[in-house]
Protein backbone atom coordinates (compact mmCIF):
# COMPACT_ATOMS: atom_id res chain seq x y z
CA MET A 1 98.45 86.72 120.08
CA ASN A 2 102.05 86.85 121.28
CA LYS A 3 102.22 90.07 123.25
CA GLU A 4 105.99 89.95 123.54
CA ARG A 5 106.78 90.22 119.83
CA ILE A 6 106.38 92.98 117.27
CA GLY A 7 107.51 93.21 113.67
CA PHE A 8 108.57 96.69 112.61
CA ILE A 9 108.92 97.95 109.03
CA GLY A 10 110.75 101.24 108.52
CA LEU A 11 113.26 102.13 111.25
CA GLY A 12 114.11 105.64 110.15
CA ASN A 13 114.01 108.88 112.12
CA MET A 14 110.80 108.08 113.99
CA GLY A 15 110.50 104.32 113.46
CA GLY A 16 113.95 103.72 114.90
CA ARG A 17 113.19 105.70 118.02
CA MET A 18 109.88 103.92 118.55
CA THR A 19 111.57 100.57 118.05
CA ARG A 20 114.17 101.44 120.69
CA ARG A 21 111.37 102.23 123.14
CA LEU A 22 109.69 98.90 122.44
CA VAL A 23 112.93 96.98 122.85
CA ASP A 24 113.84 98.79 126.05
CA SER A 25 110.42 97.91 127.47
CA GLY A 26 111.16 94.22 127.02
CA ILE A 27 109.30 93.58 123.77
CA ALA A 28 111.20 91.55 121.19
CA VAL A 29 111.24 93.37 117.84
CA LEU A 30 112.13 91.99 114.43
CA GLY A 31 112.95 94.93 112.17
CA TYR A 32 112.95 95.35 108.41
CA ASP A 33 114.52 98.35 106.69
CA THR A 34 116.31 99.03 103.41
CA ALA A 35 119.21 100.41 105.49
CA PRO A 36 120.16 97.47 107.76
CA GLY A 37 122.32 99.65 110.00
CA ARG A 38 119.19 101.32 111.34
CA ILE A 39 117.94 98.01 112.72
CA ALA A 40 121.03 97.42 114.85
CA ALA A 41 121.03 101.04 116.01
CA ALA A 42 117.46 100.61 117.29
CA GLY A 43 118.30 97.40 119.13
CA ALA A 44 116.04 95.17 117.03
CA GLN A 45 116.78 91.83 115.44
CA PRO A 46 117.15 92.00 111.63
CA ALA A 47 114.62 90.44 109.28
CA GLY A 48 115.85 89.19 105.94
CA THR A 49 112.49 89.59 104.21
CA LEU A 50 108.98 90.84 104.81
CA ARG A 51 107.92 87.21 104.95
CA ASP A 52 110.12 86.81 108.04
CA VAL A 53 108.40 89.76 109.72
CA PHE A 54 104.92 88.30 109.34
CA ALA A 55 106.01 84.81 110.30
CA TYR A 56 107.49 86.26 113.51
CA ALA A 57 104.74 88.43 115.01
CA ASP A 58 100.99 88.88 115.01
CA VAL A 59 101.41 92.66 115.36
CA VAL A 60 103.42 94.50 112.72
CA MET A 61 104.06 98.24 112.80
CA MET A 62 105.05 100.38 109.84
CA SER A 63 106.65 103.85 109.88
CA LEU A 64 107.18 104.97 106.30
CA PRO A 65 107.57 108.37 104.57
CA ASP A 66 104.24 108.65 102.74
CA SER A 67 101.37 106.81 101.08
CA ASN A 68 103.35 106.14 97.92
CA VAL A 69 105.92 104.18 99.91
CA VAL A 70 103.24 102.52 102.05
CA GLU A 71 101.38 101.35 98.94
CA ALA A 72 104.57 100.04 97.37
CA VAL A 73 105.50 98.11 100.51
CA VAL A 74 101.98 96.76 101.00
CA GLU A 75 100.93 95.99 97.43
CA GLY A 76 104.24 95.44 95.67
CA GLU A 77 105.47 92.02 94.59
CA GLY A 78 106.39 90.06 97.69
CA GLY A 79 104.94 92.84 99.84
CA VAL A 80 102.91 92.91 103.02
CA LEU A 81 99.67 91.69 101.47
CA ALA A 82 101.46 88.65 100.12
CA HIS A 83 102.64 87.56 103.55
CA CYS A 84 100.11 88.70 106.17
CA ARG A 85 97.93 86.07 107.83
CA GLU A 86 94.38 86.01 109.11
CA GLY A 87 94.20 87.29 112.67
CA GLN A 88 97.20 89.59 112.37
CA THR A 89 97.16 93.36 112.93
CA VAL A 90 99.11 95.91 110.88
CA VAL A 91 99.58 99.34 112.47
CA ASP A 92 100.48 102.15 110.08
CA LEU A 93 102.28 104.91 111.99
CA SER A 94 103.07 106.87 108.81
CA THR A 95 101.65 110.25 107.86
CA ALA A 96 99.51 109.08 104.97
CA ALA A 97 96.57 110.02 102.80
CA ALA A 98 93.35 108.89 104.47
CA SER A 99 91.82 107.82 101.15
CA SER A 100 94.74 105.45 100.57
CA THR A 101 94.46 104.16 104.14
CA ILE A 102 90.75 103.39 103.73
CA ARG A 103 91.39 101.54 100.47
CA LEU A 104 94.21 99.47 101.95
CA ALA A 105 92.12 98.66 105.03
CA LYS A 106 89.55 96.98 102.78
CA LEU A 107 92.25 94.88 101.13
CA PHE A 108 93.53 93.77 104.53
CA ALA A 109 90.01 93.06 105.77
CA ASP A 110 89.52 90.67 102.84
CA ARG A 111 92.41 88.68 104.28
CA GLY A 112 91.10 88.78 107.84
CA VAL A 113 93.76 91.29 108.90
CA HIS A 114 93.11 94.48 110.90
CA TYR A 115 94.73 97.59 109.40
CA ILE A 116 95.01 100.33 112.02
CA ASP A 117 96.03 103.88 111.12
CA ALA A 118 97.85 105.60 113.95
CA GLY A 119 99.04 109.13 113.31
CA ILE A 120 101.77 110.23 115.70
CA SER A 121 102.63 113.65 117.12
CA GLY A 122 105.39 114.92 119.35
CA GLY A 123 108.43 114.63 117.14
CA ALA A 124 111.76 112.94 117.73
CA ALA A 125 112.02 114.08 121.36
CA ALA A 126 108.68 112.52 122.30
CA ALA A 127 109.54 109.37 120.38
CA GLU A 128 112.71 108.99 122.42
CA LYS A 129 110.87 109.55 125.70
CA GLY A 130 107.87 107.39 124.79
CA THR A 131 105.47 110.32 125.13
CA LEU A 132 104.00 110.48 121.64
CA THR A 133 100.34 111.26 121.07
CA LEU A 134 98.67 108.62 118.89
CA MET A 135 95.58 109.45 116.82
CA VAL A 136 94.10 106.10 115.94
CA GLY A 137 91.54 104.86 113.44
CA GLY A 138 90.21 101.39 112.65
CA ASP A 139 88.33 98.60 114.39
CA ALA A 140 87.75 99.65 118.01
CA GLY A 141 88.30 96.18 119.40
CA ALA A 142 91.58 95.77 117.54
CA VAL A 143 92.75 99.15 118.79
CA ASP A 144 91.90 98.25 122.36
CA ALA A 145 93.90 95.03 122.02
CA LEU A 146 96.99 97.10 121.12
CA LYS A 147 97.30 98.88 124.46
CA TRP A 148 100.36 96.81 125.39
CA ALA A 149 102.10 97.76 122.13
CA PHE A 150 101.23 101.46 122.33
CA ALA A 151 102.18 101.89 126.00
CA PRO A 152 105.98 102.05 125.53
CA ILE A 153 105.81 104.69 122.79
CA SER A 154 102.95 106.98 123.82
CA SER A 155 101.51 108.95 126.71
CA LYS A 156 98.16 109.55 125.00
CA VAL A 157 96.15 107.33 122.67
CA ALA A 158 93.03 108.90 121.17
CA TYR A 159 90.63 106.64 119.31
CA MET A 160 89.22 108.83 116.52
CA GLY A 161 86.87 106.41 114.73
CA GLY A 162 86.89 104.08 111.76
CA SER A 163 89.56 103.49 109.16
CA GLY A 164 91.23 106.72 108.02
CA ALA A 165 90.15 108.74 111.06
CA GLY A 166 93.58 108.56 112.65
CA HIS A 167 95.42 109.70 109.56
CA THR A 168 92.84 112.43 108.94
CA THR A 169 93.37 113.77 112.47
CA LYS A 170 97.13 113.71 111.94
CA LEU A 171 96.81 115.83 108.79
CA LEU A 172 94.59 118.36 110.56
CA ASN A 173 97.14 118.63 113.35
CA ASN A 174 100.12 118.90 111.01
CA PHE A 175 98.47 121.65 109.02
CA LEU A 176 98.07 123.77 112.15
CA ASN A 177 101.66 122.95 113.06
CA ALA A 178 102.84 124.17 109.65
CA VAL A 179 100.80 127.38 109.85
CA SER A 180 102.02 128.27 113.34
CA LEU A 181 105.66 127.48 112.58
CA ALA A 182 105.75 129.45 109.32
CA ALA A 183 103.87 132.43 110.75
CA SER A 184 105.92 132.49 113.95
CA ALA A 185 109.15 132.33 111.96
CA GLU A 186 108.08 135.40 110.00
CA VAL A 187 107.18 137.25 113.19
CA MET A 188 110.50 136.40 114.84
CA VAL A 189 112.47 137.65 111.83
CA ALA A 190 110.44 140.88 111.93
CA GLY A 191 111.12 141.19 115.66
CA LYS A 192 114.84 140.77 115.06
CA LYS A 193 114.89 143.44 112.35
CA ALA A 194 112.93 145.77 114.63
CA GLY A 195 115.65 145.47 117.25
CA LEU A 196 113.45 143.73 119.83
CA ASP A 197 114.85 141.48 122.53
CA LEU A 198 113.67 138.11 121.21
CA HIS A 199 113.50 136.49 124.64
CA VAL A 200 111.24 139.25 125.87
CA LEU A 201 109.20 139.08 122.65
CA LEU A 202 108.61 135.38 123.18
CA ASP A 203 107.62 135.97 126.79
CA VAL A 204 105.04 138.50 125.62
CA LEU A 205 103.72 136.24 122.85
CA ASN A 206 103.45 133.28 125.19
CA SER A 207 101.34 135.27 127.63
CA SER A 208 99.21 136.79 124.86
CA SER A 209 96.82 135.69 122.15
CA GLY A 210 99.60 134.89 119.68
CA VAL A 211 100.83 131.92 121.70
CA ASN A 212 101.23 128.60 119.84
CA PHE A 213 103.33 125.43 119.87
CA ALA A 214 106.16 127.08 117.94
CA THR A 215 106.46 130.06 120.27
CA LEU A 216 106.24 127.83 123.32
CA ASN A 217 108.49 124.97 122.31
CA ARG A 218 110.56 125.81 119.24
CA PHE A 219 111.65 129.42 119.27
CA PRO A 220 112.88 129.59 122.88
CA LYS A 221 115.54 127.14 121.67
CA ILE A 222 116.08 128.61 118.20
CA VAL A 223 116.84 132.12 119.50
CA ASP A 224 119.72 130.55 121.45
CA GLY A 225 121.04 128.74 118.38
CA ASP A 226 119.45 125.31 118.91
CA TYR A 227 117.30 124.33 115.93
CA LEU A 228 116.22 121.04 117.57
CA GLU A 229 117.74 119.06 114.71
CA GLY A 230 116.40 115.62 113.89
CA GLY A 231 112.72 116.38 113.52
CA LEU A 232 110.38 116.70 110.54
CA THR A 233 112.15 118.14 107.49
CA GLY A 234 110.95 121.06 105.42
CA LYS A 235 110.13 118.82 102.47
CA LEU A 236 108.07 116.49 104.65
CA MET A 237 106.24 119.46 106.14
CA THR A 238 105.32 120.58 102.63
CA LYS A 239 104.16 117.05 101.83
CA ASP A 240 101.91 117.05 104.90
CA VAL A 241 100.30 120.37 103.93
CA VAL A 242 99.62 119.04 100.43
CA LEU A 243 98.04 115.92 101.94
CA TYR A 244 95.90 118.17 104.16
CA VAL A 245 94.70 120.17 101.16
CA ASP A 246 93.83 116.96 99.33
CA ARG A 247 91.93 115.62 102.33
CA VAL A 248 89.83 118.73 102.98
CA ARG A 249 89.04 118.87 99.26
CA GLU A 250 87.73 115.30 99.52
CA LEU A 251 85.61 116.44 102.47
CA GLY A 252 84.24 119.42 100.57
CA VAL A 253 85.99 121.99 102.77
CA MET A 254 87.61 125.04 101.18
CA SER A 255 91.22 125.57 102.23
CA LEU A 256 91.89 129.29 102.49
CA ASN A 257 95.03 129.24 104.62
CA ALA A 258 97.34 126.72 102.97
CA ALA A 259 99.12 129.23 100.72
CA GLY A 260 101.18 130.67 103.58
CA PRO A 261 102.94 127.50 104.78
CA LEU A 262 103.26 126.16 101.22
CA ALA A 263 105.04 129.38 100.21
CA SER A 264 107.22 129.42 103.32
CA PHE A 265 108.40 125.81 103.21
CA GLY A 266 108.62 125.96 99.42
CA LEU A 267 110.98 128.91 99.81
CA GLY A 268 112.98 126.89 102.32
CA THR A 269 113.38 124.03 99.87
CA ALA A 270 114.36 126.39 97.06
CA LEU A 271 117.07 127.91 99.26
CA GLY A 272 118.49 124.55 100.31
CA TYR A 273 116.71 123.88 103.60
CA GLY A 274 114.34 121.15 102.41
CA ASP A 275 116.25 118.21 103.83
CA VAL A 276 116.90 119.68 107.28
CA ILE A 277 114.48 120.25 110.13
CA SER A 278 111.48 122.39 109.21
CA ASN A 279 112.43 124.88 111.95
CA ARG A 280 115.04 126.17 109.48
CA VAL A 281 112.22 127.91 107.63
CA VAL A 282 113.10 130.88 109.84
CA ASP A 283 116.53 131.00 108.16
CA ALA A 284 114.93 130.89 104.71
CA ILE A 285 112.73 133.84 105.61
CA GLY A 286 115.77 135.51 107.14
CA ASP A 287 117.76 134.98 103.94
CA VAL A 288 115.27 136.94 101.84
CA SER A 289 114.90 139.58 104.55
CA GLY A 290 118.48 140.78 104.51
CA GLY A 291 120.39 137.79 105.88
CA VAL A 292 118.73 137.78 109.30
CA ARG A 293 119.61 135.16 111.94
CA LEU A 294 117.84 135.08 115.27
CA PHE A 295 120.91 133.96 117.19
CA ASP A 296 123.60 136.65 117.27
CA GLY A 297 126.39 134.10 117.34
CA GLN A 298 125.25 132.49 114.08
CA GLN A 299 125.03 135.27 111.56
CA LYS A 300 126.49 132.92 108.94
CA GLN A 301 124.53 129.83 109.95
CA GLU A 302 125.09 126.98 107.50
CA LYS A 303 122.17 125.48 105.64
CA SER A 304 122.78 121.93 106.74
CA ALA A 305 122.24 120.02 109.93
């Protein structure tokens, strides 16, 4: 296996940042994306076709929007399955349905190819710094052999089990992320309307039982007008919650808490915030609560990044 080469499919918001980390670490990357400009921006060499990607490297990473896109890229005419070779490893860094991942893994196994699902967490900032958390599923030996490829993009790699375990873990994590963000947004709007000092409110929350990732890392920036643009959009957050509900249904677990984030991010999409960072859900809640904005200098905050 050539440990100095990686093929990368999908160099969007997260894929492009991960590719840049790989390139900056000295790994040669051949990139494939429907928007060629993304490849140059990430510092990779452009691939003309998927065939080129699999002829170039024994390790190919994919970062795509969802399982529908993954399946189209993998199983479509002239897709990944048509060009992969025995002994290669495909790493799916997408947020995908575990049932789809498990099915695709069997198709790859029939061709002697390892299909590794690696859910990622940490957002755009962690991707740029190379401090993502990877939640990985698939053949343990194949995962262990990928340490060199994971090192430039992550600070923590957790092996979760067989095929689908990584993507399942990612969905569990993203569901909690959605719940905490939506609930915290509601609380912050209420705090604003109550006339509370939002900095002091956050200090209290972060030293009390209400503390969560959103109160620690998102809202200290948002209350000063920085929405941390560039991260997961509201529509993608909704998609992740739906995937979570589907997964726990498959597992026979009743989902009693999905209605809140689905309503919150659904409201955001209806009001025009679906294609911007999911943190803007606080503005959607503010809109229907009397036009509230957390940052005093942005009472008329626009709905676009």
